[in-house]
Amino acid sequence: MAEPFICVGIDGYSFSYDKLHTKTNPHPRNFATFPQFFQTVREKQLMSIQDAVYKATALPAQILGLCDRGQLKKGMAADITIFDRERIASCSTYLDSKVRPVGVPYVFVGGKLAYCDGRTVDFHFGKVLLHL
C-alpha cells in the first residue's frame, strides 16, 4: 500500500445510506473503502497524510485520464471531501454496511455542498465520469 505507484480505488457502486432506497445490504466496500484506507494509514503509520490523499485523488484521476479531477487548482472540478484525519474511520460491517463513516463532516461535488454533518444536502448535480 505504501508503494508510490499504488492508488486507492473501488469496484463498488453508489448506494444510498437511506434504508428505504437501498433495501439490500451491499458489500461494505461501497461505503467504507476510503474511510478505511485513511483509518489504516493513520493506525499503521504507513505514509504521510499528503501521500495518502494523493493516492486517493490525483493518482487515480491521472491513471483514469480524468484531466479535470484530483487536484485543487483553478479550472479543475472541485470535488472535495473534508475529513478529520484523527477521527476518520469506517463504521460499515458485513452485517450492516449502510453506516456512515465518522470524521467526514463535508463533501462538495463540483464545488457544491453535497453532504453536511451526516446528511445529504443535494445529489442532483453529480455525473458519471467514466463507464468501464
N, C-alpha and C. Protein backbone atom coordinates (compact mmCIF):
# COMPACT_ATOMS: atom_id res chain seq x y z
N MET A 1 0.82 -1.19 0.00
CA MET A 1 0.00 0.00 0.00
C MET A 1 0.87 1.26 0.00
N ALA A 2 2.02 1.20 0.58
CA ALA A 2 2.87 2.38 0.69
C ALA A 2 3.69 2.66 -0.57
N GLU A 3 3.71 1.73 -1.51
CA GLU A 3 4.47 1.96 -2.75
C GLU A 3 3.92 3.19 -3.47
N PRO A 4 4.79 4.03 -4.04
CA PRO A 4 4.34 5.30 -4.62
C PRO A 4 3.42 5.15 -5.84
N PHE A 5 3.45 4.02 -6.51
CA PHE A 5 2.64 3.85 -7.72
C PHE A 5 1.29 3.16 -7.45
N ILE A 6 0.98 2.87 -6.19
CA ILE A 6 -0.28 2.21 -5.83
C ILE A 6 -1.30 3.26 -5.45
N CYS A 7 -2.48 3.20 -6.08
CA CYS A 7 -3.54 4.15 -5.74
C CYS A 7 -4.70 3.41 -5.07
N VAL A 8 -5.65 4.18 -4.58
CA VAL A 8 -6.83 3.63 -3.92
C VAL A 8 -7.98 3.68 -4.91
N GLY A 9 -8.72 2.60 -5.00
CA GLY A 9 -9.88 2.55 -5.89
C GLY A 9 -10.93 1.63 -5.31
N ILE A 10 -12.04 1.58 -5.98
CA ILE A 10 -13.15 0.74 -5.52
C ILE A 10 -13.87 0.17 -6.74
N ASP A 11 -14.29 -1.06 -6.61
CA ASP A 11 -15.08 -1.69 -7.68
C ASP A 11 -16.53 -1.82 -7.24
N GLY A 12 -16.98 -0.87 -6.46
CA GLY A 12 -18.34 -0.89 -5.94
C GLY A 12 -19.26 0.03 -6.72
N TYR A 13 -20.41 0.28 -6.15
CA TYR A 13 -21.44 1.12 -6.75
C TYR A 13 -21.80 2.25 -5.80
N SER A 14 -22.57 3.17 -6.29
CA SER A 14 -23.06 4.27 -5.47
C SER A 14 -24.44 3.88 -4.93
N PHE A 15 -24.52 3.66 -3.63
CA PHE A 15 -25.77 3.32 -2.97
C PHE A 15 -26.13 4.41 -1.98
N SER A 16 -27.41 4.52 -1.71
CA SER A 16 -27.88 5.46 -0.69
C SER A 16 -27.72 4.83 0.69
N TYR A 17 -27.42 5.68 1.68
CA TYR A 17 -27.41 5.22 3.07
C TYR A 17 -28.84 5.00 3.57
N ASP A 18 -29.79 5.61 2.90
CA ASP A 18 -31.19 5.52 3.29
C ASP A 18 -31.70 4.09 3.05
N LYS A 19 -32.09 3.46 4.11
CA LYS A 19 -32.53 2.06 4.04
C LYS A 19 -33.86 1.90 3.31
N LEU A 20 -34.57 3.01 3.08
CA LEU A 20 -35.78 2.95 2.27
C LEU A 20 -35.44 2.84 0.78
N HIS A 21 -34.28 3.39 0.38
CA HIS A 21 -33.85 3.34 -1.01
C HIS A 21 -32.97 2.13 -1.30
N THR A 22 -32.08 1.81 -0.38
CA THR A 22 -31.20 0.65 -0.55
C THR A 22 -31.71 -0.43 0.40
N LYS A 23 -32.49 -1.32 -0.15
CA LYS A 23 -33.16 -2.33 0.67
C LYS A 23 -32.28 -3.55 0.96
N THR A 24 -31.21 -3.72 0.18
CA THR A 24 -30.29 -4.83 0.41
C THR A 24 -29.17 -4.38 1.33
N ASN A 25 -28.26 -5.27 1.62
CA ASN A 25 -27.10 -4.96 2.43
C ASN A 25 -25.86 -5.16 1.55
N PRO A 26 -25.51 -4.15 0.74
CA PRO A 26 -24.38 -4.30 -0.19
C PRO A 26 -23.06 -4.52 0.56
N HIS A 27 -22.07 -4.95 -0.17
CA HIS A 27 -20.74 -5.14 0.40
C HIS A 27 -20.28 -3.83 1.04
N PRO A 28 -19.63 -3.89 2.20
CA PRO A 28 -19.18 -2.67 2.90
C PRO A 28 -18.26 -1.78 2.07
N ARG A 29 -17.57 -2.33 1.08
CA ARG A 29 -16.66 -1.51 0.28
C ARG A 29 -17.37 -0.34 -0.38
N ASN A 30 -18.68 -0.50 -0.63
CA ASN A 30 -19.45 0.56 -1.27
C ASN A 30 -19.56 1.81 -0.39
N PHE A 31 -19.37 1.66 0.89
CA PHE A 31 -19.49 2.76 1.84
C PHE A 31 -18.20 3.06 2.60
N ALA A 32 -17.27 2.12 2.62
CA ALA A 32 -16.17 2.20 3.58
C ALA A 32 -14.76 2.22 3.01
N THR A 33 -14.59 2.09 1.71
CA THR A 33 -13.24 1.95 1.15
C THR A 33 -12.32 3.09 1.55
N PHE A 34 -12.72 4.31 1.29
CA PHE A 34 -11.82 5.43 1.54
C PHE A 34 -11.67 5.75 3.03
N PRO A 35 -12.75 5.76 3.81
CA PRO A 35 -12.55 5.95 5.26
C PRO A 35 -11.65 4.85 5.86
N GLN A 36 -11.83 3.62 5.40
CA GLN A 36 -11.00 2.52 5.90
C GLN A 36 -9.54 2.72 5.51
N PHE A 37 -9.30 3.19 4.30
CA PHE A 37 -7.93 3.46 3.85
C PHE A 37 -7.26 4.49 4.75
N PHE A 38 -7.93 5.62 4.98
CA PHE A 38 -7.33 6.67 5.82
C PHE A 38 -7.19 6.22 7.27
N GLN A 39 -8.12 5.45 7.75
CA GLN A 39 -8.02 4.89 9.10
C GLN A 39 -6.82 3.96 9.21
N THR A 40 -6.62 3.10 8.23
CA THR A 40 -5.49 2.17 8.23
C THR A 40 -4.17 2.92 8.13
N VAL A 41 -4.11 3.92 7.26
CA VAL A 41 -2.89 4.73 7.12
C VAL A 41 -2.53 5.36 8.46
N ARG A 42 -3.53 5.91 9.15
CA ARG A 42 -3.29 6.55 10.45
C ARG A 42 -2.85 5.53 11.50
N GLU A 43 -3.60 4.45 11.63
CA GLU A 43 -3.32 3.48 12.69
C GLU A 43 -2.01 2.73 12.49
N LYS A 44 -1.65 2.46 11.24
CA LYS A 44 -0.42 1.71 10.95
C LYS A 44 0.75 2.63 10.60
N GLN A 45 0.49 3.94 10.53
CA GLN A 45 1.52 4.93 10.17
C GLN A 45 2.24 4.52 8.89
N LEU A 46 1.46 4.25 7.86
CA LEU A 46 2.00 3.74 6.60
C LEU A 46 2.65 4.80 5.73
N MET A 47 2.16 6.04 5.83
CA MET A 47 2.66 7.12 4.97
C MET A 47 2.14 8.43 5.52
N SER A 48 2.59 9.52 4.93
CA SER A 48 2.09 10.84 5.34
C SER A 48 0.65 11.00 4.87
N ILE A 49 -0.06 11.91 5.49
CA ILE A 49 -1.43 12.19 5.07
C ILE A 49 -1.44 12.77 3.66
N GLN A 50 -0.40 13.52 3.30
CA GLN A 50 -0.31 14.08 1.95
C GLN A 50 -0.21 12.96 0.92
N ASP A 51 0.63 11.96 1.19
CA ASP A 51 0.75 10.83 0.26
C ASP A 51 -0.55 10.04 0.18
N ALA A 52 -1.23 9.87 1.29
CA ALA A 52 -2.49 9.14 1.31
C ALA A 52 -3.55 9.87 0.47
N VAL A 53 -3.63 11.19 0.63
CA VAL A 53 -4.60 11.97 -0.15
C VAL A 53 -4.26 11.88 -1.63
N TYR A 54 -2.99 11.97 -1.99
CA TYR A 54 -2.56 11.83 -3.39
C TYR A 54 -3.00 10.48 -3.96
N LYS A 55 -2.83 9.41 -3.20
CA LYS A 55 -3.19 8.06 -3.66
C LYS A 55 -4.69 7.88 -3.83
N ALA A 56 -5.49 8.73 -3.17
CA ALA A 56 -6.95 8.63 -3.25
C ALA A 56 -7.55 9.66 -4.21
N THR A 57 -6.73 10.58 -4.74
CA THR A 57 -7.27 11.66 -5.56
C THR A 57 -6.52 11.82 -6.88
N ALA A 58 -5.38 12.47 -6.85
CA ALA A 58 -4.66 12.82 -8.08
C ALA A 58 -4.14 11.59 -8.82
N LEU A 59 -3.61 10.61 -8.12
CA LEU A 59 -3.07 9.44 -8.81
C LEU A 59 -4.14 8.65 -9.55
N PRO A 60 -5.27 8.29 -8.91
CA PRO A 60 -6.29 7.58 -9.68
C PRO A 60 -6.88 8.42 -10.81
N ALA A 61 -7.05 9.74 -10.61
CA ALA A 61 -7.54 10.60 -11.69
C ALA A 61 -6.58 10.57 -12.87
N GLN A 62 -5.29 10.62 -12.58
CA GLN A 62 -4.28 10.56 -13.63
C GLN A 62 -4.32 9.23 -14.37
N ILE A 63 -4.39 8.14 -13.64
CA ILE A 63 -4.42 6.80 -14.24
C ILE A 63 -5.65 6.63 -15.13
N LEU A 64 -6.79 7.16 -14.69
CA LEU A 64 -8.04 7.02 -15.44
C LEU A 64 -8.23 8.09 -16.52
N GLY A 65 -7.29 9.02 -16.61
CA GLY A 65 -7.37 10.07 -17.62
C GLY A 65 -8.44 11.12 -17.33
N LEU A 66 -8.76 11.32 -16.07
CA LEU A 66 -9.73 12.34 -15.67
C LEU A 66 -8.97 13.65 -15.45
N CYS A 67 -8.76 14.37 -16.51
CA CYS A 67 -7.87 15.53 -16.51
C CYS A 67 -8.35 16.70 -15.66
N ASP A 68 -9.64 16.76 -15.37
CA ASP A 68 -10.16 17.90 -14.59
C ASP A 68 -10.47 17.51 -13.15
N ARG A 69 -9.90 16.43 -12.67
CA ARG A 69 -10.18 15.94 -11.31
C ARG A 69 -8.88 15.62 -10.58
N GLY A 70 -9.00 15.52 -9.26
CA GLY A 70 -7.90 15.00 -8.45
C GLY A 70 -6.97 16.02 -7.83
N GLN A 71 -7.13 17.29 -8.19
CA GLN A 71 -6.28 18.32 -7.63
C GLN A 71 -7.12 19.56 -7.34
N LEU A 72 -6.65 20.35 -6.39
CA LEU A 72 -7.30 21.63 -6.10
C LEU A 72 -6.54 22.72 -6.85
N LYS A 73 -7.02 23.01 -8.05
CA LYS A 73 -6.40 24.03 -8.90
C LYS A 73 -7.49 24.74 -9.67
N LYS A 74 -7.21 25.95 -10.07
CA LYS A 74 -8.14 26.72 -10.89
C LYS A 74 -8.45 25.94 -12.17
N GLY A 75 -9.72 25.89 -12.51
CA GLY A 75 -10.15 25.20 -13.72
C GLY A 75 -10.48 23.73 -13.52
N MET A 76 -10.19 23.21 -12.34
CA MET A 76 -10.48 21.81 -12.03
C MET A 76 -11.84 21.71 -11.35
N ALA A 77 -12.48 20.56 -11.49
CA ALA A 77 -13.74 20.33 -10.76
C ALA A 77 -13.42 20.30 -9.27
N ALA A 78 -14.25 20.92 -8.50
CA ALA A 78 -14.00 20.99 -7.06
C ALA A 78 -14.77 19.88 -6.34
N ASP A 79 -14.30 18.66 -6.52
CA ASP A 79 -14.83 17.52 -5.77
C ASP A 79 -13.95 17.39 -4.53
N ILE A 80 -14.50 17.74 -3.38
CA ILE A 80 -13.70 17.87 -2.16
C ILE A 80 -14.38 17.15 -1.00
N THR A 81 -13.62 16.34 -0.30
CA THR A 81 -14.10 15.73 0.93
C THR A 81 -13.28 16.31 2.07
N ILE A 82 -13.97 16.92 3.01
CA ILE A 82 -13.32 17.46 4.20
C ILE A 82 -13.40 16.38 5.27
N PHE A 83 -12.25 15.99 5.81
CA PHE A 83 -12.25 14.96 6.85
C PHE A 83 -11.26 15.29 7.94
N ASP A 84 -11.53 14.76 9.12
CA ASP A 84 -10.66 14.90 10.28
C ASP A 84 -9.72 13.70 10.28
N ARG A 85 -8.46 13.91 9.99
CA ARG A 85 -7.54 12.78 9.84
C ARG A 85 -7.33 12.02 11.14
N GLU A 86 -7.64 12.62 12.27
CA GLU A 86 -7.50 11.92 13.56
C GLU A 86 -8.76 11.12 13.92
N ARG A 87 -9.85 11.34 13.23
CA ARG A 87 -11.10 10.66 13.55
C ARG A 87 -11.67 9.80 12.43
N ILE A 88 -11.30 10.07 11.18
CA ILE A 88 -11.94 9.36 10.07
C ILE A 88 -11.82 7.86 10.28
N ALA A 89 -12.94 7.18 10.15
CA ALA A 89 -12.97 5.73 10.35
C ALA A 89 -14.22 5.15 9.70
N SER A 90 -14.07 3.95 9.23
CA SER A 90 -15.19 3.21 8.67
C SER A 90 -16.05 2.64 9.79
N CYS A 91 -17.34 2.63 9.58
CA CYS A 91 -18.27 2.03 10.54
C CYS A 91 -19.08 0.91 9.90
N SER A 92 -18.88 0.68 8.61
CA SER A 92 -19.61 -0.36 7.89
C SER A 92 -19.11 -1.74 8.28
N THR A 93 -20.04 -2.68 8.32
CA THR A 93 -19.69 -4.08 8.58
C THR A 93 -20.40 -4.95 7.55
N TYR A 94 -20.06 -6.22 7.52
CA TYR A 94 -20.75 -7.13 6.61
C TYR A 94 -22.21 -7.31 7.01
N LEU A 95 -22.52 -7.16 8.27
CA LEU A 95 -23.90 -7.32 8.73
C LEU A 95 -24.73 -6.05 8.55
N ASP A 96 -24.08 -4.91 8.59
CA ASP A 96 -24.76 -3.62 8.40
C ASP A 96 -23.82 -2.68 7.67
N SER A 97 -23.91 -2.69 6.36
CA SER A 97 -22.96 -1.91 5.56
C SER A 97 -23.36 -0.45 5.40
N LYS A 98 -24.62 -0.12 5.50
CA LYS A 98 -25.11 1.22 5.23
C LYS A 98 -24.95 2.13 6.46
N VAL A 99 -23.72 2.23 6.94
CA VAL A 99 -23.41 3.05 8.11
C VAL A 99 -22.40 4.11 7.68
N ARG A 100 -22.71 5.35 7.95
CA ARG A 100 -21.82 6.44 7.55
C ARG A 100 -20.51 6.39 8.34
N PRO A 101 -19.42 6.80 7.71
CA PRO A 101 -18.16 6.86 8.44
C PRO A 101 -18.18 8.01 9.45
N VAL A 102 -17.27 8.00 10.37
CA VAL A 102 -17.10 9.14 11.29
C VAL A 102 -15.94 9.99 10.78
N GLY A 103 -15.95 11.24 11.17
CA GLY A 103 -14.85 12.13 10.82
C GLY A 103 -14.93 12.73 9.43
N VAL A 104 -16.10 12.70 8.80
CA VAL A 104 -16.29 13.30 7.47
C VAL A 104 -17.47 14.27 7.55
N PRO A 105 -17.20 15.53 7.89
CA PRO A 105 -18.31 16.47 8.04
C PRO A 105 -18.86 17.06 6.73
N TYR A 106 -18.02 17.18 5.68
CA TYR A 106 -18.47 17.85 4.46
C TYR A 106 -17.94 17.15 3.21
N VAL A 107 -18.80 17.15 2.17
CA VAL A 107 -18.40 16.71 0.83
C VAL A 107 -18.97 17.71 -0.16
N PHE A 108 -18.12 18.14 -1.07
CA PHE A 108 -18.52 19.04 -2.15
C PHE A 108 -18.35 18.30 -3.47
N VAL A 109 -19.32 18.41 -4.35
CA VAL A 109 -19.25 17.81 -5.68
C VAL A 109 -19.36 18.95 -6.68
N GLY A 110 -18.33 19.11 -7.48
CA GLY A 110 -18.32 20.22 -8.43
C GLY A 110 -18.43 21.57 -7.76
N GLY A 111 -17.90 21.67 -6.54
CA GLY A 111 -17.91 22.92 -5.81
C GLY A 111 -19.20 23.19 -5.04
N LYS A 112 -20.17 22.28 -5.14
CA LYS A 112 -21.45 22.46 -4.46
C LYS A 112 -21.53 21.51 -3.27
N LEU A 113 -22.05 22.03 -2.16
CA LEU A 113 -22.18 21.22 -0.96
C LEU A 113 -23.15 20.07 -1.21
N ALA A 114 -22.67 18.84 -1.01
CA ALA A 114 -23.49 17.65 -1.24
C ALA A 114 -23.79 16.90 0.05
N TYR A 115 -22.92 17.06 1.05
CA TYR A 115 -23.06 16.32 2.31
C TYR A 115 -22.60 17.21 3.44
N CYS A 116 -23.41 17.30 4.48
CA CYS A 116 -23.08 18.17 5.60
C CYS A 116 -23.52 17.52 6.90
N ASP A 117 -22.55 17.26 7.77
CA ASP A 117 -22.81 16.76 9.12
C ASP A 117 -23.81 15.60 9.17
N GLY A 118 -23.57 14.60 8.36
CA GLY A 118 -24.36 13.38 8.43
C GLY A 118 -25.59 13.32 7.55
N ARG A 119 -25.80 14.34 6.74
CA ARG A 119 -26.97 14.27 5.87
C ARG A 119 -26.62 14.76 4.47
N THR A 120 -27.28 14.16 3.49
CA THR A 120 -27.12 14.56 2.11
C THR A 120 -27.88 15.85 1.90
N VAL A 121 -27.20 16.84 1.33
CA VAL A 121 -27.81 18.14 1.08
C VAL A 121 -28.48 18.14 -0.28
N ASP A 122 -27.76 17.69 -1.28
CA ASP A 122 -28.29 17.63 -2.65
C ASP A 122 -27.49 16.57 -3.40
N PHE A 123 -28.11 15.95 -4.35
CA PHE A 123 -27.41 14.92 -5.10
C PHE A 123 -27.77 14.95 -6.58
N HIS A 124 -28.28 16.06 -7.05
CA HIS A 124 -28.75 16.15 -8.44
C HIS A 124 -27.70 16.72 -9.39
N PHE A 125 -26.51 17.05 -8.92
CA PHE A 125 -25.53 17.66 -9.79
C PHE A 125 -24.33 16.76 -10.08
N GLY A 126 -24.31 15.57 -9.57
CA GLY A 126 -23.25 14.62 -9.88
C GLY A 126 -23.43 14.06 -11.28
N LYS A 127 -22.38 13.43 -11.81
CA LYS A 127 -22.49 12.84 -13.14
C LYS A 127 -21.52 11.67 -13.24
N VAL A 128 -21.81 10.77 -14.14
CA VAL A 128 -20.92 9.65 -14.40
C VAL A 128 -19.69 10.18 -15.12
N LEU A 129 -18.51 9.89 -14.60
CA LEU A 129 -17.27 10.38 -15.19
C LEU A 129 -16.65 9.38 -16.15
N LEU A 130 -16.80 8.12 -15.84
CA LEU A 130 -16.13 7.08 -16.62
C LEU A 130 -16.96 5.82 -16.50
N HIS A 131 -17.28 5.23 -17.60
CA HIS A 131 -18.05 3.99 -17.58
C HIS A 131 -17.20 2.91 -18.23
N LEU A 132 -16.77 1.97 -17.42
CA LEU A 132 -15.90 0.91 -17.94
C LEU A 132 -16.68 -0.32 -18.33
